[in-house]
Amino acid sequence: MIQNFLLKNAPNRSTDMLHKEINGKHEYHNQTMFTLIEELNLPYLKVDQALNVLSWNEMFSYLTDIKADELQHSSISELAITHSIAEFFQDQMALSTKYVQITKSVYENGGNVLNVTFIPEVEDNHVYYFIMLEDLSLQTKYEELLTFQHQMQAVSHIAAGVAHELRNPLSVIKGFLQLSHLTCDFQKYYNTIISELNRMNIIIEDFLSVSRKKTNRKWQSPSNLIESLVELMKAECLLHSVELQVDFDKSFSICHINESMFKQVMLNLLRNAIEAFDEGASYKYLKVSSKEIGEYVHIELIDNGKGMPKDVLEQLGKPFFTTKEKGTGVGIPLCKKIVEDHGGKFQILSERDVGTKVILTFPLLV
């Protein structure tokens, strides 16, 4: 390609001069490549077209366990080099007549993985070949270690998530026990406490499962699910002096929802909203509403808490990011994942000293 370009753009120059210029460019390229190989201390072997070894470096000898006296005055067919490398090299010798660099991964007898790069080069009208080796065994071991680390992180996510998700039903149970003590009427809250204990058991089973594929979703009304949570929400808000406002469409539209996970998300967000209020705030309110827009049901939770600055809002949702002293940073990411697994969307809008709005959207059956 270089030769065609020069011939086209220099019609008055002699062919000899052009060949000299082309050869000069090749020599410069080869010298640059050789210098780079030497500087990086990459294992290499250089041979001619007769397969005679011309040069090598210590790294090649070390990696292949071939001593210098064996390499000197020998041909590649005489070397104790792995069959797969020699076969690859000979195949490329037969096929390559142009400057083409080819790389292939091969396995040594010991199980190590080597990247073999075959580089033809032209020098003074003679063709030579570089064989460069790259040992990938350390990289492979590192990747295996990284995979194990990711597995351990997944276990940590599950453990932290279990602890976080059990707090909600425990808080509800604690709240109802306190209310039953104040009202001297335990029987009134008995069924709710049992229900929350059952939900704790379901949460544990969810996190112990390898995946959330077995979600047991049903076609049901989101409005009915929210309505079933109202008493729980009222009790929680009452304990923290928060006014709860509820406004939802009592429609017959249905979504394909896992009831336990939906309630888990709603109570998670309720708890987050309550914790966002300053203790000394004179008036605290939380509004929960739902409405249908097109083919989706929109559920909103709006509070007048302290809100979040832009930099915190941008980080929110990343695993383990939290601004709470005892937070785990898994609650919001888990809520987001549950909503998205249902084909919905999860959005948080917030402004410092104004409040926060969380918007959940779920697809309706149309």
Protein backbone atom coordinates (compact mmCIF):
# COMPACT_ATOMS: atom_id res chain seq x y z
CA MET A 1 0.00 0.00 0.00
CA ILE A 2 2.86 2.38 0.85
CA GLN A 3 4.53 1.51 -2.44
CA ASN A 4 1.41 2.23 -4.50
CA PHE A 5 0.93 5.54 -2.74
CA LEU A 6 4.50 6.67 -3.43
CA LEU A 7 4.37 5.56 -7.08
CA LYS A 8 1.15 7.45 -7.62
CA ASN A 9 2.35 10.67 -6.01
CA ALA A 10 5.92 10.77 -7.36
CA PRO A 11 5.84 9.93 -11.10
CA ASN A 12 9.15 11.67 -11.86
CA ARG A 13 11.26 9.79 -9.38
CA SER A 14 13.16 6.66 -10.34
CA THR A 15 12.00 3.23 -9.25
CA ASP A 16 15.30 2.63 -7.43
CA MET A 17 14.84 5.75 -5.35
CA LEU A 18 11.31 4.72 -4.47
CA HIS A 19 12.42 1.25 -3.42
CA LYS A 20 15.15 2.76 -1.28
CA GLU A 21 12.62 5.04 0.38
CA ILE A 22 10.21 2.16 0.97
CA ASN A 23 12.98 -0.03 2.38
CA GLY A 24 14.07 2.84 4.58
CA LYS A 25 10.57 3.13 6.00
CA HIS A 26 10.45 -0.63 6.59
CA GLU A 27 13.83 -0.58 8.34
CA TYR A 28 12.75 2.35 10.50
CA HIS A 29 9.53 0.53 11.41
CA ASN A 30 11.39 -2.71 12.19
CA GLN A 31 14.00 -0.93 14.29
CA THR A 32 11.29 0.89 16.23
CA MET A 33 9.44 -2.38 16.82
CA PHE A 34 12.62 -4.15 17.93
CA THR A 35 13.49 -1.31 20.32
CA LEU A 36 10.01 -1.47 21.80
CA ILE A 37 10.26 -5.24 22.30
CA GLU A 38 13.62 -4.83 24.02
CA GLU A 39 12.42 -1.98 26.23
CA LEU A 40 9.33 -3.91 27.35
CA ASN A 41 11.41 -7.06 27.83
CA LEU A 42 8.91 -9.15 25.87
CA PRO A 43 9.89 -12.79 25.22
CA TYR A 44 10.83 -13.11 21.54
CA LEU A 45 12.62 -15.38 19.08
CA LYS A 46 13.79 -14.26 15.63
CA VAL A 47 14.29 -16.75 12.78
CA ASP A 48 14.93 -16.61 9.06
CA GLN A 49 13.02 -18.30 6.26
CA ALA A 50 15.09 -21.48 6.74
CA LEU A 51 13.83 -21.60 10.36
CA ASN A 52 17.32 -20.91 11.73
CA VAL A 53 17.38 -19.07 15.05
CA LEU A 54 19.00 -15.65 14.68
CA SER A 55 18.39 -14.01 18.03
CA TRP A 56 16.35 -14.21 21.23
CA ASN A 57 16.25 -12.67 24.67
CA GLU A 58 16.52 -14.08 28.17
CA MET A 59 12.78 -13.82 28.75
CA PHE A 60 12.10 -16.22 25.86
CA SER A 61 14.63 -18.68 27.27
CA TYR A 62 13.11 -18.37 30.75
CA LEU A 63 9.50 -18.75 29.62
CA THR A 64 10.13 -21.77 27.35
CA ASP A 65 12.79 -23.28 29.63
CA ILE A 66 15.15 -23.58 26.64
CA LYS A 67 18.77 -22.80 27.48
CA ALA A 68 20.88 -20.36 25.48
CA ASP A 69 23.27 -23.04 24.23
CA GLU A 70 20.30 -24.98 22.83
CA LEU A 71 19.05 -21.90 20.98
CA GLN A 72 22.42 -20.98 19.52
CA HIS A 73 23.04 -22.29 15.97
CA SER A 74 19.79 -24.25 15.98
CA SER A 75 16.58 -24.29 13.98
CA ILE A 76 13.07 -24.09 15.35
CA SER A 77 12.39 -27.71 14.40
CA GLU A 78 15.21 -28.81 16.76
CA LEU A 79 13.94 -26.88 19.78
CA ALA A 80 11.98 -28.40 22.62
CA ILE A 81 9.19 -25.95 21.91
CA THR A 82 5.58 -26.99 22.38
CA HIS A 83 3.95 -28.69 19.42
CA SER A 84 1.07 -26.19 19.26
CA ILE A 85 3.47 -23.22 19.03
CA ALA A 86 5.65 -24.87 16.40
CA GLU A 87 2.62 -25.93 14.38
CA PHE A 88 1.17 -22.41 14.53
CA PHE A 89 4.48 -20.91 13.45
CA GLN A 90 4.93 -23.30 10.50
CA ASP A 91 1.36 -22.69 9.32
CA GLN A 92 1.98 -18.95 9.28
CA MET A 93 5.31 -19.43 7.50
CA ALA A 94 3.47 -21.21 4.70
CA LEU A 95 0.64 -18.68 4.49
CA SER A 96 2.19 -15.27 5.16
CA THR A 97 3.98 -13.47 2.37
CA LYS A 98 3.05 -9.95 3.48
CA TYR A 99 3.57 -8.00 6.66
CA VAL A 100 0.74 -9.49 8.70
CA GLN A 101 0.74 -9.75 12.48
CA ILE A 102 -1.26 -12.68 13.86
CA THR A 103 -1.87 -13.62 17.48
CA LYS A 104 -3.21 -16.89 18.84
CA SER A 105 -3.66 -18.35 22.34
CA VAL A 106 -2.24 -21.84 22.87
CA TYR A 107 -1.94 -24.16 25.84
CA GLU A 108 1.31 -25.55 27.15
CA ASN A 109 1.55 -29.08 28.47
CA GLY A 110 1.53 -27.69 32.00
CA GLY A 111 -1.82 -26.03 31.44
CA ASN A 112 -0.49 -22.49 31.16
CA VAL A 113 -1.96 -20.25 28.49
CA LEU A 114 0.40 -18.49 26.08
CA ASN A 115 -0.38 -15.76 23.60
CA VAL A 116 1.80 -16.36 20.53
CA THR A 117 2.28 -13.45 18.13
CA PHE A 118 3.75 -14.10 14.70
CA ILE A 119 5.31 -11.02 13.03
CA PRO A 120 6.95 -11.22 9.58
CA GLU A 121 9.42 -8.43 8.81
CA VAL A 122 11.32 -7.42 5.69
CA GLU A 123 14.92 -6.24 5.92
CA ASP A 124 17.19 -5.69 2.88
CA ASN A 125 14.79 -7.71 0.73
CA HIS A 126 15.04 -10.64 3.14
CA VAL A 127 12.10 -11.92 5.18
CA TYR A 128 12.55 -12.69 8.86
CA TYR A 129 10.07 -13.73 11.51
CA PHE A 130 9.53 -12.73 15.10
CA ILE A 131 7.80 -15.08 17.50
CA MET A 132 6.64 -13.22 20.59
CA LEU A 133 5.23 -14.97 23.64
CA GLU A 134 3.01 -13.66 26.42
CA ASP A 135 2.37 -15.79 29.49
CA LEU A 136 -1.30 -15.49 30.45
CA SER A 137 -1.14 -17.91 33.38
CA LEU A 138 -0.87 -15.10 35.96
CA GLN A 139 -3.71 -13.25 34.27
CA THR A 140 -5.80 -16.43 34.33
CA LYS A 141 -5.09 -16.93 38.03
CA TYR A 142 -5.93 -13.28 38.68
CA GLU A 143 -9.24 -13.65 36.82
CA GLU A 144 -10.06 -16.75 38.88
CA LEU A 145 -9.26 -14.82 42.06
CA LEU A 146 -11.39 -11.92 40.84
CA THR A 147 -14.29 -14.28 40.14
CA PHE A 148 -13.99 -15.67 43.67
CA GLN A 149 -13.89 -12.12 45.03
CA HIS A 150 -17.07 -11.25 43.11
CA GLN A 151 -18.74 -14.35 44.54
CA MET A 152 -17.77 -13.26 48.05
CA GLN A 153 -19.10 -9.77 47.34
CA ALA A 154 -22.38 -11.35 46.25
CA VAL A 155 -22.51 -13.22 49.56
CA SER A 156 -21.82 -9.94 51.37
CA HIS A 157 -24.63 -8.28 49.40
CA ILE A 158 -27.00 -11.04 50.45
CA ALA A 159 -25.96 -10.92 54.12
CA ALA A 160 -26.22 -7.13 54.26
CA GLY A 161 -29.50 -7.24 52.37
CA VAL A 162 -31.02 -9.77 54.77
CA ALA A 163 -30.10 -7.61 57.75
CA HIS A 164 -31.46 -4.49 56.05
CA GLU A 165 -34.72 -6.01 54.85
CA LEU A 166 -35.50 -7.63 58.20
CA ARG A 167 -35.39 -4.22 59.88
CA ASN A 168 -38.67 -3.14 58.30
CA PRO A 169 -40.89 -5.94 59.66
CA LEU A 170 -39.01 -5.83 62.96
CA SER A 171 -39.73 -2.10 63.21
CA VAL A 172 -43.41 -2.72 62.47
CA ILE A 173 -43.60 -5.51 65.06
CA LYS A 174 -41.87 -3.33 67.61
CA GLY A 175 -44.25 -0.47 66.84
CA PHE A 176 -47.37 -2.58 67.24
CA LEU A 177 -46.09 -4.09 70.48
CA GLN A 178 -45.53 -0.57 71.79
CA LEU A 179 -49.03 0.44 70.67
CA SER A 180 -50.55 -2.67 72.26
CA HIS A 181 -48.79 -1.77 75.49
CA LEU A 182 -50.18 1.77 75.35
CA THR A 183 -53.71 0.65 74.46
CA CYS A 184 -53.68 -2.58 76.52
CA ASP A 185 -55.14 -4.33 73.48
CA PHE A 186 -52.69 -6.90 72.14
CA GLN A 187 -55.36 -8.91 70.32
CA LYS A 188 -56.04 -5.97 67.99
CA TYR A 189 -52.49 -6.14 66.58
CA TYR A 190 -51.91 -9.90 66.84
CA ASN A 191 -52.78 -10.75 63.22
CA THR A 192 -50.59 -7.95 61.87
CA ILE A 193 -47.62 -9.08 63.97
CA ILE A 194 -48.03 -12.67 62.76
CA SER A 195 -48.26 -11.39 59.17
CA GLU A 196 -45.01 -9.46 59.56
CA LEU A 197 -43.26 -12.49 61.06
CA ASN A 198 -44.36 -14.50 58.03
CA ARG A 199 -43.03 -11.76 55.76
CA MET A 200 -39.66 -11.96 57.55
CA ASN A 201 -39.55 -15.66 56.78
CA ILE A 202 -40.33 -14.99 53.10
CA ILE A 203 -37.56 -12.36 52.94
CA ILE A 204 -35.04 -14.84 54.35
CA GLU A 205 -36.10 -17.45 51.80
CA ASP A 206 -35.77 -14.89 48.99
CA PHE A 207 -32.22 -14.02 49.92
CA LEU A 208 -31.16 -17.61 50.47
CA SER A 209 -32.22 -18.49 46.94
CA VAL A 210 -29.53 -18.17 44.30
CA SER A 211 -31.67 -15.93 42.11
CA ARG A 212 -35.01 -14.19 42.11
CA LYS A 213 -36.40 -16.12 39.15
CA LYS A 214 -39.06 -17.81 41.28
CA THR A 215 -41.01 -14.65 41.98
CA ASN A 216 -44.57 -16.06 42.12
CA ARG A 217 -46.10 -12.98 40.55
CA LYS A 218 -49.84 -12.57 40.24
CA TRP A 219 -52.12 -10.25 38.30
CA GLN A 220 -53.43 -7.90 40.95
CA SER A 221 -54.34 -4.29 41.62
CA PRO A 222 -51.52 -2.03 42.89
CA SER A 223 -54.17 0.13 44.56
CA ASN A 224 -55.39 -2.84 46.59
CA LEU A 225 -51.84 -3.65 47.63
CA ILE A 226 -51.23 -0.08 48.77
CA GLU A 227 -54.55 -0.09 50.64
CA SER A 228 -53.49 -3.25 52.47
CA LEU A 229 -50.41 -1.38 53.72
CA VAL A 230 -52.21 1.72 54.96
CA GLU A 231 -52.64 0.53 58.55
CA LEU A 232 -48.98 -0.44 58.73
CA MET A 233 -47.95 2.93 57.31
CA LYS A 234 -50.21 4.81 59.72
CA ALA A 235 -48.79 2.97 62.70
CA GLU A 236 -45.21 3.63 61.61
CA CYS A 237 -45.88 7.32 60.94
CA LEU A 238 -47.75 7.72 64.24
CA LEU A 239 -44.75 6.46 66.18
CA HIS A 240 -42.57 9.15 64.55
CA SER A 241 -45.07 12.03 64.58
CA VAL A 242 -45.39 12.04 60.79
CA GLU A 243 -48.68 12.94 59.13
CA LEU A 244 -49.58 10.38 56.47
CA GLN A 245 -51.65 11.42 53.48
CA VAL A 246 -52.94 8.69 51.17
CA ASP A 247 -54.47 9.33 47.76
CA PHE A 248 -54.75 6.46 45.29
CA ASP A 249 -57.00 5.48 42.40
CA LYS A 250 -59.33 2.66 43.31
CA SER A 251 -59.34 1.26 39.81
CA PHE A 252 -59.67 -2.26 38.49
CA SER A 253 -56.41 -2.08 36.50
CA ILE A 254 -53.95 -4.82 37.34
CA CYS A 255 -50.19 -5.43 37.15
CA HIS A 256 -48.13 -8.61 37.21
CA ILE A 257 -46.66 -8.15 40.69
CA ASN A 258 -45.02 -10.17 43.43
CA GLU A 259 -46.98 -8.99 46.48
CA SER A 260 -44.22 -9.62 49.02
CA MET A 261 -41.60 -7.75 47.00
CA PHE A 262 -43.97 -4.87 46.27
CA LYS A 263 -44.70 -4.43 49.98
CA GLN A 264 -40.99 -4.75 50.69
CA VAL A 265 -40.27 -1.81 48.36
CA MET A 266 -43.07 0.35 49.77
CA LEU A 267 -42.09 -0.20 53.41
CA ASN A 268 -38.42 0.33 52.56
CA LEU A 269 -39.23 3.70 51.03
CA LEU A 270 -41.54 4.56 53.93
CA ARG A 271 -38.76 3.87 56.39
CA ASN A 272 -36.25 5.91 54.36
CA ALA A 273 -38.67 8.86 54.26
CA ILE A 274 -39.21 8.76 58.02
CA GLU A 275 -35.47 8.62 58.66
CA ALA A 276 -34.97 11.64 56.38
CA PHE A 277 -36.83 13.98 58.75
CA ASP A 278 -34.96 16.14 61.23
CA GLU A 279 -35.95 15.21 64.76
CA GLY A 280 -36.68 18.82 65.59
CA ALA A 281 -38.93 19.46 62.58
CA SER A 282 -42.21 21.08 63.61
CA TYR A 283 -44.31 19.56 60.83
CA LYS A 284 -43.55 16.31 59.04
CA TYR A 285 -45.73 14.79 56.38
CA LEU A 286 -45.55 11.94 53.90
CA LYS A 287 -47.91 11.61 50.97
CA VAL A 288 -48.43 8.30 49.16
CA SER A 289 -50.42 8.43 45.95
CA SER A 290 -51.06 6.41 42.81
CA LYS A 291 -52.56 7.25 39.44
CA GLU A 292 -52.75 5.71 36.00
CA ILE A 293 -50.93 7.44 33.14
CA GLY A 294 -51.25 5.66 29.82
CA GLU A 295 -50.19 2.04 30.13
CA TYR A 296 -48.51 2.50 33.51
CA VAL A 297 -49.52 3.04 37.11
CA HIS A 298 -47.46 5.76 38.82
CA ILE A 299 -46.89 5.48 42.56
CA GLU A 300 -45.39 8.50 44.32
CA LEU A 301 -44.01 8.97 47.82
CA ILE A 302 -43.47 12.64 48.66
CA ASP A 303 -42.03 13.95 51.94
CA ASN A 304 -41.04 17.37 53.25
CA GLY A 305 -37.85 16.09 54.85
CA LYS A 306 -34.41 17.65 54.59
CA GLY A 307 -33.89 16.45 51.02
CA MET A 308 -30.57 15.68 49.36
CA PRO A 309 -27.97 17.78 47.52
CA LYS A 310 -27.20 17.01 43.89
CA ASP A 311 -23.90 15.19 44.58
CA VAL A 312 -25.57 12.79 47.03
CA LEU A 313 -28.50 12.23 44.66
CA GLU A 314 -26.09 11.24 41.88
CA GLN A 315 -24.47 8.60 44.10
CA LEU A 316 -27.75 7.28 45.47
CA GLY A 317 -28.56 3.84 44.16
CA LYS A 318 -24.97 2.65 43.96
CA PRO A 319 -24.41 -0.45 46.11
CA PHE A 320 -23.13 0.31 49.63
CA PHE A 321 -23.43 4.09 49.22
CA THR A 322 -25.19 5.51 52.25
CA THR A 323 -25.34 8.75 54.23
CA LYS A 324 -26.73 7.00 57.31
CA GLU A 325 -24.48 6.20 60.23
CA LYS A 326 -25.81 2.65 60.47
CA GLY A 327 -26.93 2.26 56.86
CA THR A 328 -25.86 -0.61 54.61
CA GLY A 329 -26.40 1.11 51.26
CA VAL A 330 -28.34 -1.82 49.80
CA GLY A 331 -31.94 -0.70 50.39
CA ILE A 332 -32.34 1.70 47.47
CA PRO A 333 -30.41 -0.49 44.95
CA LEU A 334 -32.57 -3.44 45.96
CA CYS A 335 -35.80 -1.43 45.57
CA LYS A 336 -34.64 -0.24 42.16
CA LYS A 337 -33.80 -3.79 41.07
CA ILE A 338 -37.17 -5.17 42.21
CA VAL A 339 -39.09 -2.46 40.34
CA GLU A 340 -37.01 -2.91 37.18
CA ASP A 341 -37.38 -6.70 37.37
CA HIS A 342 -41.13 -6.06 37.18
CA GLY A 343 -40.63 -4.08 33.96
CA GLY A 344 -41.05 -0.77 35.78
CA LYS A 345 -39.00 2.36 36.42
CA PHE A 346 -37.55 3.79 39.63
CA GLN A 347 -36.81 7.50 39.96
CA ILE A 348 -35.81 9.79 42.84
CA LEU A 349 -36.14 13.58 42.77
CA SER A 350 -34.86 15.62 45.68
CA GLU A 351 -33.96 19.16 46.66
CA ARG A 352 -32.05 20.21 49.74
CA ASP A 353 -34.30 21.67 52.51
CA VAL A 354 -37.39 21.06 50.34
CA GLY A 355 -38.00 17.32 50.32
CA THR A 356 -37.86 14.16 48.24
CA LYS A 357 -40.15 12.49 45.72
CA VAL A 358 -39.83 8.83 44.77
CA ILE A 359 -41.67 7.73 41.62
CA LEU A 360 -42.38 4.08 40.83
CA THR A 361 -43.99 3.01 37.57
CA PHE A 362 -45.35 -0.45 36.81
CA PRO A 363 -46.76 -1.64 33.46
CA LEU A 364 -50.50 -2.33 33.45
CA LEU A 365 -52.32 -5.16 31.73
CA VAL A 366 -53.76 -3.59 28.57
